[in-house]
C-alpha atoms as a PDB file:
ATOM      1  CA  MET A   1       0.000   0.000   0.000  1.00  0.00           C
ATOM      2  CA  ALA A   2       1.439   3.369  -0.985  1.00  0.00           C
ATOM      3  CA  LYS A   3       1.756   5.812   1.871  1.00  0.00           C
ATOM      4  CA  ASP A   4      -0.674   8.286   0.341  1.00  0.00           C
ATOM      5  CA  GLU A   5      -3.271   5.732  -0.739  1.00  0.00           C
ATOM      6  CA  LEU A   6      -5.752   3.460   0.953  1.00  0.00           C
ATOM      7  CA  ASN A   7      -6.923   0.980  -1.659  1.00  0.00           C
ATOM      8  CA  VAL A   8      -9.910  -0.299   0.281  1.00  0.00           C
ATOM      9  CA  ASP A   9     -11.343  -2.398  -2.521  1.00  0.00           C
ATOM     10  CA  ASN A  10      -8.123  -4.420  -2.738  1.00  0.00           C
ATOM     11  CA  ILE A  11      -7.887  -4.703   1.057  1.00  0.00           C
ATOM     12  CA  ILE A  12     -11.417  -6.130   1.138  1.00  0.00           C
ATOM     13  CA  LYS A  13     -10.764  -8.560  -1.734  1.00  0.00           C
ATOM     14  CA  GLU A  14      -7.524  -9.832  -0.195  1.00  0.00           C
ATOM     15  CA  ALA A  15      -9.116 -10.558   3.192  1.00  0.00           C
ATOM     16  CA  GLN A  16     -12.225 -12.054   1.624  1.00  0.00           C
ATOM     17  CA  LYS A  17     -10.162 -14.383  -0.562  1.00  0.00           C
ATOM     18  CA  LEU A  18      -8.254 -15.747   2.462  1.00  0.00           C
ATOM     19  CA  LEU A  19     -11.468 -16.314   4.389  1.00  0.00           C
ATOM     20  CA  ILE A  20     -13.256 -18.033   1.505  1.00  0.00           C
ATOM     21  CA  GLU A  21     -10.283 -20.351   0.916  1.00  0.00           C
ATOM     22  CA  ASN A  22     -10.313 -21.391   4.588  1.00  0.00           C
ATOM     23  CA  LYS A  23     -14.044 -21.185   5.222  1.00  0.00           C
ATOM     24  CA  THR A  24     -14.564 -24.786   6.375  1.00  0.00           C
ATOM     25  CA  GLU A  25     -12.064 -24.416   9.221  1.00  0.00           C
ATOM     26  CA  TRP A  26     -13.209 -21.117  10.683  1.00  0.00           C
ATOM     27  CA  VAL A  27     -16.954 -21.613  10.221  1.00  0.00           C
ATOM     28  CA  GLU A  28     -16.864 -24.897  12.135  1.00  0.00           C
ATOM     29  CA  ARG A  29     -14.799 -23.359  14.927  1.00  0.00           C
ATOM     30  CA  TYR A  30     -16.871 -20.187  15.268  1.00  0.00           C
ATOM     31  CA  GLU A  31     -20.076 -22.185  15.154  1.00  0.00           C
ATOM     32  CA  GLY A  32     -18.748 -24.027  18.206  1.00  0.00           C
ATOM     33  CA  TYR A  33     -17.917 -20.758  19.950  1.00  0.00           C
ATOM     34  CA  ALA A  34     -21.388 -19.392  19.246  1.00  0.00           C
ATOM     35  CA  LYS A  35     -23.282 -22.459  20.428  1.00  0.00           C
ATOM     36  CA  ALA A  36     -21.204 -22.597  23.627  1.00  0.00           C
ATOM     37  CA  THR A  37     -21.758 -18.906  24.303  1.00  0.00           C
ATOM     38  CA  LEU A  38     -25.521 -19.096  23.882  1.00  0.00           C
ATOM     39  CA  SER A  39     -25.851 -22.321  25.860  1.00  0.00           C
ATOM     40  CA  HIS A  40     -23.650 -21.065  28.730  1.00  0.00           C
ATOM     41  CA  ILE A  41     -24.867 -17.470  28.900  1.00  0.00           C
ATOM     42  CA  ALA A  42     -27.265 -18.101  31.797  1.00  0.00           C
ATOM     43  CA  SER A  43     -24.525 -19.809  33.803  1.00  0.00           C
ATOM     44  CA  ILE A  44     -22.072 -16.997  33.007  1.00  0.00           C
ATOM     45  CA  ALA A  45     -24.593 -14.374  34.097  1.00  0.00           C
ATOM     46  CA  LYS A  46     -25.339 -16.257  37.329  1.00  0.00           C
ATOM     47  CA  ASN A  47     -21.656 -16.521  38.249  1.00  0.00           C
ATOM     48  CA  ARG A  48     -20.984 -12.936  37.167  1.00  0.00           C
ATOM     49  CA  ARG A  49     -23.475 -11.675  39.758  1.00  0.00           C
ATOM     50  CA  LYS A  50     -21.272 -13.112  42.508  1.00  0.00           C
ATOM     51  CA  PHE A  51     -18.550 -10.455  42.257  1.00  0.00           C
ATOM     52  CA  HIS A  52     -18.131  -6.726  41.659  1.00  0.00           C
ATOM     53  CA  GLU A  53     -15.607  -4.892  39.533  1.00  0.00           C
ATOM     54  CA  TYR A  54     -13.271  -2.515  41.368  1.00  0.00           C
ATOM     55  CA  PRO A  55     -11.671   0.052  39.038  1.00  0.00           C
ATOM     56  CA  PRO A  56      -8.980   0.463  37.886  1.00  0.00           C
ATOM     57  CA  LEU A  57      -9.009  -3.380  37.758  1.00  0.00           C
ATOM     58  CA  ARG A  58     -11.145  -4.576  34.852  1.00  0.00           C
ATOM     59  CA  PHE A  59     -12.664  -7.936  33.931  1.00  0.00           C
ATOM     60  CA  TYR A  60     -12.161  -9.623  30.556  1.00  0.00           C
ATOM     61  CA  ILE A  61     -13.608 -12.867  29.193  1.00  0.00           C
ATOM     62  CA  SER A  62     -12.340 -14.854  26.205  1.00  0.00           C
ATOM     63  CA  THR A  63     -14.068 -17.244  23.810  1.00  0.00           C
ATOM     64  CA  THR A  64     -12.093 -20.097  25.417  1.00  0.00           C
ATOM     65  CA  ASN A  65     -13.380 -19.237  28.879  1.00  0.00           C
ATOM     66  CA  VAL A  66     -16.901 -18.790  27.539  1.00  0.00           C
ATOM     67  CA  LYS A  67     -16.712 -22.215  25.936  1.00  0.00           C
ATOM     68  CA  ASN A  68     -15.797 -23.811  29.287  1.00  0.00           C
ATOM     69  CA  ALA A  69     -18.158 -21.769  31.449  1.00  0.00           C
ATOM     70  CA  ARG A  70     -20.947 -24.280  32.064  1.00  0.00           C
ATOM     71  CA  ASN A  71     -20.003 -24.828  35.729  1.00  0.00           C
ATOM     72  CA  MET A  72     -17.031 -22.511  36.273  1.00  0.00           C
ATOM     73  CA  LEU A  73     -16.373 -18.951  35.133  1.00  0.00           C
ATOM     74  CA  LEU A  74     -12.760 -17.872  34.619  1.00  0.00           C
ATOM     75  CA  VAL A  75     -12.154 -14.134  34.228  1.00  0.00           C
ATOM     76  CA  ASP A  76      -8.952 -12.308  33.385  1.00  0.00           C
ATOM     77  CA  VAL A  77      -8.344  -9.396  35.774  1.00  0.00           C
ATOM     78  CA  ARG A  78      -6.372  -6.598  34.085  1.00  0.00           C
ATOM     79  CA  TYR A  79      -4.726  -3.333  35.059  1.00  0.00           C
ATOM     80  CA  ARG A  80      -3.757  -0.891  32.297  1.00  0.00           C
ATOM     81  CA  GLY A  81      -4.782  -3.631  29.875  1.00  0.00           C
ATOM     82  CA  GLN A  82      -2.301  -6.155  31.316  1.00  0.00           C
ATOM     83  CA  SER A  83      -3.340  -9.364  33.067  1.00  0.00           C
ATOM     84  CA  VAL A  84      -2.588  -9.183  36.807  1.00  0.00           C
ATOM     85  CA  ALA A  85      -4.784 -12.000  38.174  1.00  0.00           C
ATOM     86  CA  THR A  86      -7.306 -14.714  37.348  1.00  0.00           C
ATOM     87  CA  LEU A  87     -10.680 -14.770  39.043  1.00  0.00           C
ATOM     88  CA  LYS A  88     -12.655 -18.012  39.308  1.00  0.00           C
ATOM     89  CA  ALA A  89     -16.355 -18.219  40.188  1.00  0.00           C
ATOM     90  CA  THR A  90     -18.010 -21.564  40.941  1.00  0.00           C
ATOM     91  CA  GLN A  91     -21.001 -22.821  42.912  1.00  0.00           C
ATOM     92  CA  THR A  92     -18.863 -22.800  46.059  1.00  0.00           C
ATOM     93  CA  GLY A  93     -17.632 -19.211  45.796  1.00  0.00           C
ATOM     94  CA  VAL A  94     -15.240 -16.786  44.126  1.00  0.00           C
ATOM     95  CA  VAL A  95     -11.447 -16.979  44.402  1.00  0.00           C
ATOM     96  CA  ILE A  96      -8.555 -15.059  42.866  1.00  0.00           C
ATOM     97  CA  SER A  97      -5.048 -16.196  41.948  1.00  0.00           C
ATOM     98  CA  THR A  98      -1.901 -14.470  40.649  1.00  0.00           C
ATOM     99  CA  LYS A  99       0.143 -17.627  40.010  1.00  0.00           C
ATOM    100  CA  ARG A 100       0.554 -16.933  36.278  1.00  0.00           C
ATOM    101  CA  GLN A 101       1.081 -13.190  36.757  1.00  0.00           C
ATOM    102  CA  ASN A 102       3.410 -12.937  39.783  1.00  0.00           C
ATOM    103  CA  VAL A 103       6.607 -12.346  37.792  1.00  0.00           C
ATOM    104  CA  ASN A 104       5.135  -9.633  35.571  1.00  0.00           C
ATOM    105  CA  ASN A 105       3.229  -8.009  38.424  1.00  0.00           C
ATOM    106  CA  LYS A 106       6.513  -7.506  40.230  1.00  0.00           C
ATOM    107  CA  LYS A 107       8.376  -6.477  37.066  1.00  0.00           C
ATOM    108  CA  HIS A 108       5.835  -4.007  35.712  1.00  0.00           C
ATOM    109  CA  PHE A 109       4.069  -2.693  38.805  1.00  0.00           C
ATOM    110  CA  ASN A 110       6.346  -3.458  41.797  1.00  0.00           C
ATOM    111  CA  CYS A 111       3.525  -5.599  43.161  1.00  0.00           C
ATOM    112  CA  ASN A 112       4.780  -8.320  45.530  1.00  0.00           C
ATOM    113  CA  ILE A 113       1.330  -9.488  46.613  1.00  0.00           C
ATOM    114  CA  GLU A 114       0.946 -13.129  45.587  1.00  0.00           C
ATOM    115  CA  LEU A 115      -2.449 -14.816  45.757  1.00  0.00           C
ATOM    116  CA  SER A 116      -3.214 -18.518  45.485  1.00  0.00           C
ATOM    117  CA  ASP A 117      -6.954 -19.123  45.092  1.00  0.00           C
ATOM    118  CA  VAL A 118      -7.871 -16.875  48.008  1.00  0.00           C
ATOM    119  CA  SER A 119     -11.383 -15.570  48.609  1.00  0.00           C
ATOM    120  CA  TRP A 120     -12.309 -12.562  46.448  1.00  0.00           C
ATOM    121  CA  ARG A 121     -13.975 -11.058  49.526  1.00  0.00           C
ATOM    122  CA  GLY A 122     -11.099 -11.848  51.905  1.00  0.00           C
ATOM    123  CA  PRO A 123      -8.423  -9.481  53.300  1.00  0.00           C
ATOM    124  CA  GLU A 124      -5.657 -10.668  50.928  1.00  0.00           C
ATOM    125  CA  ALA A 125      -7.734  -9.921  47.825  1.00  0.00           C
ATOM    126  CA  GLN A 126      -8.803  -6.592  49.326  1.00  0.00           C
ATOM    127  CA  LYS A 127      -5.153  -5.653  49.868  1.00  0.00           C
ATOM    128  CA  PHE A 128      -4.429  -6.592  46.230  1.00  0.00           C
ATOM    129  CA  ARG A 129      -7.275  -4.384  44.957  1.00  0.00           C
ATOM    130  CA  GLU A 130      -6.174  -1.482  47.129  1.00  0.00           C
ATOM    131  CA  TYR A 131      -2.614  -1.742  45.797  1.00  0.00           C
ATOM    132  CA  PHE A 132      -3.723  -1.135  42.219  1.00  0.00           C
ATOM    133  CA  LYS A 133      -6.287   1.478  43.235  1.00  0.00           C
ATOM    134  CA  THR A 134      -3.439   3.645  44.564  1.00  0.00           C
ATOM    135  CA  ALA A 135      -0.901   2.779  41.836  1.00  0.00           C
ATOM    136  CA  GLU A 136      -1.643   6.055  39.980  1.00  0.00           C
ATOM    137  CA  ASN A 137      -1.942   4.404  36.573  1.00  0.00           C
ATOM    138  CA  THR A 138       1.783   3.805  36.212  1.00  0.00           C
ATOM    139  CA  ARG A 139       4.034   1.083  34.810  1.00  0.00           C
ATOM    140  CA  ASN A 140       7.779   0.514  35.100  1.00  0.00           C
ATOM    141  CA  ASN A 141       8.499  -0.260  31.454  1.00  0.00           C
ATOM    142  CA  LYS A 142       6.547   1.474  28.698  1.00  0.00           C
ATOM    143  CA  GLY A 143       6.877  -0.845  25.729  1.00  0.00           C
ATOM    144  CA  LYS A 144       4.805  -0.232  22.617  1.00  0.00           C
ATOM    145  CA  LYS A 145       2.375  -3.102  23.221  1.00  0.00           C
ATOM    146  CA  ASN A 146       2.033  -2.141  26.880  1.00  0.00           C
ATOM    147  CA  GLU A 147       1.056   1.406  25.992  1.00  0.00           C
ATOM    148  CA  GLU A 148      -1.387   0.260  23.311  1.00  0.00           C
ATOM    149  CA  HIS A 149      -3.066  -2.023  25.837  1.00  0.00           C
ATOM    150  CA  ASN A 150      -3.368   0.880  28.246  1.00  0.00           C
ATOM    151  CA  VAL A 151      -4.936   3.100  25.577  1.00  0.00           C
ATOM    152  CA  GLU A 152      -7.373   0.285  24.711  1.00  0.00           C
ATOM    153  CA  SER A 153      -8.336  -0.046  28.372  1.00  0.00           C
ATOM    154  CA  LEU A 154      -8.803   3.704  28.772  1.00  0.00           C
ATOM    155  CA  LEU A 155     -10.980   3.853  25.651  1.00  0.00           C
ATOM    156  CA  LEU A 156     -13.101   0.962  26.909  1.00  0.00           C
ATOM    157  CA  SER A 157     -13.572   2.742  30.234  1.00  0.00           C
ATOM    158  CA  GLU A 158     -14.538   6.032  28.586  1.00  0.00           C
ATOM    159  CA  PHE A 159     -16.969   4.461  26.133  1.00  0.00           C
ATOM    160  CA  SER A 160     -18.527   2.105  28.696  1.00  0.00           C
ATOM    161  CA  LYS A 161     -19.983   5.096  30.544  1.00  0.00           C
ATOM    162  CA  ARG A 162     -23.766   5.095  30.498  1.00  0.00           C
ATOM    163  CA  SER A 163     -24.362   8.819  30.884  1.00  0.00           C
ATOM    164  CA  SER A 164     -23.835  10.780  27.669  1.00  0.00           C
ATOM    165  CA  LYS A 165     -22.937  13.772  29.839  1.00  0.00           C
ATOM    166  CA  ASP A 166     -19.714  12.079  30.925  1.00  0.00           C
ATOM    167  CA  LYS A 167     -18.778  10.458  27.603  1.00  0.00           C
ATOM    168  CA  PRO A 168     -16.285  12.024  25.200  1.00  0.00           C
ATOM    169  CA  ILE A 169     -18.162  10.472  22.254  1.00  0.00           C
ATOM    170  CA  ARG A 170     -21.880   9.788  22.414  1.00  0.00           C
ATOM    171  CA  GLY A 171     -23.587   6.743  20.938  1.00  0.00           C
ATOM    172  CA  ILE A 172     -20.868   4.164  21.442  1.00  0.00           C
ATOM    173  CA  GLN A 173     -20.833   1.060  23.653  1.00  0.00           C
ATOM    174  CA  PRO A 174     -18.343  -1.826  23.656  1.00  0.00           C
ATOM    175  CA  VAL A 175     -19.624  -5.290  22.778  1.00  0.00           C
ATOM    176  CA  LYS A 176     -19.540  -7.187  26.086  1.00  0.00           C
ATOM    177  CA  ILE A 177     -20.608 -10.555  27.460  1.00  0.00           C
ATOM    178  CA  CYS A 178     -22.576 -10.306  30.700  1.00  0.00           C
ATOM    179  CA  GLY A 179     -21.048  -6.896  31.325  1.00  0.00           C
ATOM    180  CA  MET A 180     -17.465  -8.089  30.884  1.00  0.00           C
ATOM    181  CA  ARG A 181     -15.006  -6.868  28.298  1.00  0.00           C
ATOM    182  CA  PHE A 182     -14.741  -9.321  25.448  1.00  0.00           C
ATOM    183  CA  GLY A 183     -11.816  -9.775  23.095  1.00  0.00           C
ATOM    184  CA  MET A 184     -13.329 -10.828  19.775  1.00  0.00           C
ATOM    185  CA  PRO A 185     -10.859 -13.162  18.019  1.00  0.00           C
ATOM    186  CA  THR A 186     -10.376 -13.502  14.271  1.00  0.00           C
ATOM    187  CA  PRO A 187      -8.654 -16.218  12.180  1.00  0.00           C
ATOM    188  CA  ILE A 188      -6.503 -13.729  10.275  1.00  0.00           C
ATOM    189  CA  SER A 189      -3.280 -12.034  11.279  1.00  0.00           C
ATOM    190  CA  ALA A 190      -3.404  -8.328  10.503  1.00  0.00           C
ATOM    191  CA  SER A 191      -1.448  -7.052  13.501  1.00  0.00           C
ATOM    192  CA  ASP A 192       1.648  -5.966  11.567  1.00  0.00           C
ATOM    193  CA  HIS A 193       0.913  -3.515   8.767  1.00  0.00           C
ATOM    194  CA  LYS A 194       4.330  -4.178   7.216  1.00  0.00           C
ATOM    195  CA  ASN A 195       3.695  -7.880   6.557  1.00  0.00           C
ATOM    196  CA  PRO A 196       1.189  -9.516   4.189  1.00  0.00           C
ATOM    197  CA  LEU A 197      -2.153 -10.591   5.601  1.00  0.00           C
ATOM    198  CA  ARG A 198      -2.185 -14.302   6.441  1.00  0.00           C
ATOM    199  CA  TYR A 199      -4.624 -16.917   7.631  1.00  0.00           C
ATOM    200  CA  ALA A 200      -3.713 -18.020  11.176  1.00  0.00           C
ATOM    201  CA  LYS A 201      -6.559 -20.318  12.338  1.00  0.00           C
ATOM    202  CA  GLN A 202      -7.026 -20.029  16.124  1.00  0.00           C
ATOM    203  CA  TYR A 203      -3.867 -17.898  16.384  1.00  0.00           C
ATOM    204  CA  GLY A 204      -5.280 -14.931  14.488  1.00  0.00           C
ATOM    205  CA  GLY A 205      -5.389 -11.390  15.780  1.00  0.00           C
ATOM    206  CA  GLY A 206      -8.035 -10.025  18.094  1.00  0.00           C
ATOM    207  CA  ILE A 207     -10.075  -6.889  17.513  1.00  0.00           C
ATOM    208  CA  ASP A 208      -8.695  -4.080  19.683  1.00  0.00           C
ATOM    209  CA  PHE A 209     -12.061  -2.456  20.375  1.00  0.00           C
ATOM    210  CA  PHE A 210     -15.322  -3.995  19.182  1.00  0.00           C
ATOM    211  CA  ALA A 211     -18.327  -1.744  19.646  1.00  0.00           C
ATOM    212  CA  ARG A 212     -21.830  -0.774  18.642  1.00  0.00           C
ATOM    213  CA  THR A 213     -22.164   2.838  17.509  1.00  0.00           C
ATOM    214  CA  GLY A 214     -25.127   5.019  16.619  1.00  0.00           C
ATOM    215  CA  GLY A 215     -28.419   4.382  18.351  1.00  0.00           C
ATOM    216  CA  GLY A 216     -31.042   6.890  19.381  1.00  0.00           C
ATOM    217  CA  SER A 217     -32.746   8.179  16.244  1.00  0.00           C
ATOM    218  CA  HIS A 218     -30.031   6.567  14.106  1.00  0.00           C
ATOM    219  CA  SER A 219     -29.289   2.948  13.247  1.00  0.00           C
ATOM    220  CA  THR A 220     -26.850   0.973  15.379  1.00  0.00           C
ATOM    221  CA  TYR A 221     -23.729  -0.313  13.651  1.00  0.00           C
ATOM    222  CA  LEU A 222     -21.089  -2.846  14.587  1.00  0.00           C
ATOM    223  CA  THR A 223     -17.811  -0.971  14.701  1.00  0.00           C
ATOM    224  CA  ILE A 224     -14.242  -2.311  14.575  1.00  0.00           C
ATOM    225  CA  ILE A 225     -11.693   0.086  16.065  1.00  0.00           C
ATOM    226  CA  GLU A 226      -7.955  -0.366  15.673  1.00  0.00           C
ATOM    227  CA  VAL A 227      -6.138   1.323  18.560  1.00  0.00           C
ATOM    228  CA  LYS A 228      -2.636   2.827  18.508  1.00  0.00           C
ATOM    229  CA  ASP A 229      -0.709   4.681  21.198  1.00  0.00           C
ATOM    230  CA  GLU A 230       1.248   6.663  18.602  1.00  0.00           C
ATOM    231  CA  ASN A 231       0.454   8.490  15.373  1.00  0.00           C
ATOM    232  CA  LYS A 232       3.527   8.999  13.223  1.00  0.00           C
ATOM    233  CA  SER A 233       4.527   9.003   9.561  1.00  0.00           C
ATOM    234  CA  THR A 234       5.951   5.474   9.718  1.00  0.00           C
ATOM    235  CA  GLU A 235       2.601   4.131  10.947  1.00  0.00           C
ATOM    236  CA  PRO A 236      -0.053   6.723  10.056  1.00  0.00           C
ATOM    237  CA  PRO A 237      -3.844   6.542  10.524  1.00  0.00           C
ATOM    238  CA  LYS A 238      -4.413   4.794   7.189  1.00  0.00           C
ATOM    239  CA  ASP A 239      -2.241   1.849   8.257  1.00  0.00           C
ATOM    240  CA  ALA A 240      -4.339   1.386  11.395  1.00  0.00           C
ATOM    241  CA  LEU A 241      -7.517   1.745   9.372  1.00  0.00           C
ATOM    242  CA  LYS A 242      -6.318  -0.962   6.983  1.00  0.00           C
ATOM    243  CA  GLN A 243      -6.097  -3.412   9.879  1.00  0.00           C
ATOM    244  CA  ALA A 244      -9.592  -2.470  11.050  1.00  0.00           C
ATOM    245  CA  ILE A 245     -10.950  -3.066   7.529  1.00  0.00           C
ATOM    246  CA  GLN A 246      -9.368  -6.527   7.375  1.00  0.00           C
ATOM    247  CA  TYR A 247     -11.021  -7.506  10.657  1.00  0.00           C
ATOM    248  CA  ALA A 248     -14.315  -5.980   9.496  1.00  0.00           C
ATOM    249  CA  VAL A 249     -14.269  -8.245   6.446  1.00  0.00           C
ATOM    250  CA  PHE A 250     -14.076 -11.229   8.797  1.00  0.00           C
ATOM    251  CA  ILE A 251     -16.987  -9.955  10.905  1.00  0.00           C
ATOM    252  CA  ARG A 252     -19.005  -9.499   7.734  1.00  0.00           C
ATOM    253  CA  GLU A 253     -18.199 -13.011   6.487  1.00  0.00           C
ATOM    254  CA  LEU A 254     -19.005 -14.402   9.953  1.00  0.00           C
ATOM    255  CA  LEU A 255     -22.402 -12.695  10.049  1.00  0.00           C
ATOM    256  CA  ARG A 256     -23.199 -14.008   6.561  1.00  0.00           C
ATOM    257  CA  SER A 257     -22.154 -17.575   7.447  1.00  0.00           C
ATOM    258  CA  ASP A 258     -24.434 -20.384   8.686  1.00  0.00           C
ATOM    259  CA  CYS A 259     -23.773 -19.373  12.304  1.00  0.00           C
ATOM    260  CA  GLY A 260     -24.154 -15.655  11.594  1.00  0.00           C
ATOM    261  CA  ALA A 261     -27.590 -15.365  13.203  1.00  0.00           C
ATOM    262  CA  ASP A 262     -26.153 -16.632  16.496  1.00  0.00           C
ATOM    263  CA  TRP A 263     -23.287 -14.148  16.375  1.00  0.00           C
ATOM    264  CA  TYR A 264     -25.673 -11.314  15.554  1.00  0.00           C
ATOM    265  CA  GLN A 265     -27.460 -12.139  18.800  1.00  0.00           C
ATOM    266  CA  ILE A 266     -24.192 -12.452  20.765  1.00  0.00           C
ATOM    267  CA  PHE A 267     -23.137  -9.019  19.495  1.00  0.00           C
ATOM    268  CA  GLY A 268     -26.199  -7.536  21.188  1.00  0.00           C
ATOM    269  CA  PHE A 269     -28.820  -7.328  18.460  1.00  0.00           C
ATOM    270  CA  SER A 270     -32.363  -8.684  18.454  1.00  0.00           C
ATOM    271  CA  GLY A 271     -34.371  -9.690  15.436  1.00  0.00           C
ATOM    272  CA  LYS A 272     -33.121 -10.929  12.085  1.00  0.00           C
ATOM    273  CA  ARG A 273     -29.957  -9.866  10.368  1.00  0.00           C
ATOM    274  CA  PRO A 274     -30.760  -7.051   7.922  1.00  0.00           C
ATOM    275  CA  GLN A 275     -30.474  -7.710   4.209  1.00  0.00           C
ATOM    276  CA  SER A 276     -27.823  -5.012   4.033  1.00  0.00           C
ATOM    277  CA  LEU A 277     -25.363  -4.515   6.890  1.00  0.00           C
ATOM    278  CA  MET A 278     -23.220  -1.472   7.470  1.00  0.00           C
ATOM    279  CA  ILE A 279     -20.056  -2.201   9.444  1.00  0.00           C
ATOM    280  CA  ARG A 280     -18.040   0.776  10.591  1.00  0.00           C
ATOM    281  CA  VAL A 281     -14.270   0.823  10.963  1.00  0.00           C
ATOM    282  CA  ALA A 282     -12.135   3.416  12.701  1.00  0.00           C
ATOM    283  CA  CYS A 283      -8.570   4.111  13.729  1.00  0.00           C
ATOM    284  CA  ALA A 284      -8.212   5.415  17.292  1.00  0.00           C
ATOM    285  CA  MET A 285      -4.928   7.149  18.026  1.00  0.00           C
ATOM    286  CA  PRO A 286      -3.261  10.378  19.225  1.00  0.00           C
ATOM    287  CA  ASP A 287      -3.872  13.514  17.165  1.00  0.00           C
ATOM    288  CA  ASP A 288      -0.351  14.097  15.802  1.00  0.00           C
ATOM    289  CA  ILE A 289      -1.535  13.479  12.216  1.00  0.00           C
ATOM    290  CA  LEU A 290      -5.117  14.609  11.635  1.00  0.00           C
ATOM    291  CA  ASP A 291      -5.918  12.632   8.497  1.00  0.00           C
ATOM    292  CA  GLU A 292      -9.632  13.023   7.739  1.00  0.00           C
ATOM    293  CA  SER A 293      -9.406  12.056   4.066  1.00  0.00           C
ATOM    294  CA  PHE A 294     -11.197   8.725   4.537  1.00  0.00           C
ATOM    295  CA  ALA A 295     -13.923   9.901   6.930  1.00  0.00           C
ATOM    296  CA  ASN A 296     -17.450   8.680   6.111  1.00  0.00           C
ATOM    297  CA  LYS A 297     -16.337   7.004   2.884  1.00  0.00           C
ATOM    298  CA  THR A 298     -18.170   3.746   2.157  1.00  0.00           C
ATOM    299  CA  TYR A 299     -17.155   0.622   0.251  1.00  0.00           C
ATOM    300  CA  PRO A 300     -19.365  -2.288  -0.863  1.00  0.00           C
ATOM    301  CA  ILE A 301     -18.780  -5.886   0.156  1.00  0.00           C
ATOM    302  CA  GLY A 302     -21.525  -7.900  -1.500  1.00  0.00           C
ATOM    303  CA  ASN A 303     -24.832  -6.365  -0.409  1.00  0.00           C
ATOM    304  CA  ASP A 304     -23.142  -4.922   2.662  1.00  0.00           C
ATOM    305  CA  VAL A 305     -21.067  -1.802   3.270  1.00  0.00           C
ATOM    306  CA  ILE A 306     -17.933  -0.830   5.194  1.00  0.00           C
ATOM    307  CA  GLU A 307     -17.814   2.787   6.372  1.00  0.00           C
ATOM    308  CA  CYS A 308     -14.531   4.444   7.428  1.00  0.00           C
ATOM    309  CA  HIS A 309     -13.934   6.797  10.375  1.00  0.00           C
ATOM    310  CA  TYR A 310     -11.324   8.236  12.724  1.00  0.00           C
ATOM    311  CA  ILE A 311     -11.055   8.851  16.462  1.00  0.00           C
ATOM    312  CA  TYR A 312      -8.241  11.183  17.528  1.00  0.00           C
ATOM    313  CA  PHE A 313      -7.303  12.258  21.060  1.00  0.00           C
ATOM    314  CA  LYS A 314      -4.475  13.478  23.256  1.00  0.00           C
ATOM    315  CA  TYR A 315      -2.633  10.900  25.383  1.00  0.00           C
ATOM    316  CA  ASP A 316      -0.276  11.906  28.186  1.00  0.00           C
ATOM    317  CA  GLY A 317       0.700   8.374  29.201  1.00  0.00           C
ATOM    318  CA  LYS A 318      -2.052   8.174  31.807  1.00  0.00           C
ATOM    319  CA  GLN A 319      -5.278   9.659  30.454  1.00  0.00           C
ATOM    320  CA  LEU A 320      -7.059  10.490  27.197  1.00  0.00           C
ATOM    321  CA  SER A 321      -8.573  13.892  26.385  1.00  0.00           C
ATOM    322  CA  ASN A 322      -9.659  16.240  23.577  1.00  0.00           C
ATOM    323  CA  PHE A 323     -11.455  13.644  21.436  1.00  0.00           C
ATOM    324  CA  GLN A 324     -12.227  14.290  17.768  1.00  0.00           C
ATOM    325  CA  THR A 325     -14.207  11.832  15.636  1.00  0.00           C
ATOM    326  CA  SER A 326     -16.142  11.468  12.400  1.00  0.00           C
ATOM    327  CA  LEU A 327     -18.472   8.895  13.996  1.00  0.00           C
ATOM    328  CA  LEU A 328     -20.894  11.650  15.045  1.00  0.00           C
ATOM    329  CA  LYS A 329     -21.182  13.017  11.508  1.00  0.00           C
ATOM    330  CA  GLY A 330     -23.739  11.574   9.152  1.00  0.00           C
END
């Protein structure tokens, strides 16, 4: 892709070709994910009611944990987007462990509190929560991936707010499962804009921020947002948008597959899938380069449409501010 061009039609065709060539593998796998999610949702909701979220710690659930959630709910507990503990809810109670995270907790956050399946309501877990509550949103080493995960987490927190008065952008809500943040996986690897897109089966990239946008007097659209902690000439907004488009093609193919009706329900919609879907894509990144050239442009994919947008903001390493977006236009 030339630096000054975003050839969306070719991006769509390339991703679609990969997915069609490997359709048998991913359709079977995602059909399994969907059936497990819908059959376990009542159990997940029941176990989820047994514990509260204490910011800045946030709860995440994966398709793997959803699939195995009939009798036990495993939740990833994250701080600044990084896993710091695992929470487990069963019929006998709720416990938390840091066995897998002890080394990194000490390395990244100077946290020496080690938990081994202790009660979520007990004094040890309370001490752990208090530690991160007073950690002032800091990290020892600020690697690129670490900072991107923090920006993702901050965006999720901002856009999860229910009151439009407090939200930097109205009409946006993350796709969640039983109120928990959900990393939607894909079977394609689009995480490195410098390398060709490839099919990766269960090792594909996850969508940074999967949301529903619009609502009110407007339609509600599934929206794939690619998040970056930097905005520079070597990786400008169009590169991030390209990745979002590739993932959007997968979501479109998934919704048009035999298990698409189930996924439409999982993504928070009622009723039948519309004959024509609009899926929005956006780059979300600092405002160093304010490229608006692609805003609100649409591209066909069969009877459906992909619509392009931007979200720009200021990032000081701890918080986000001064949001600008094309999502509110049109």
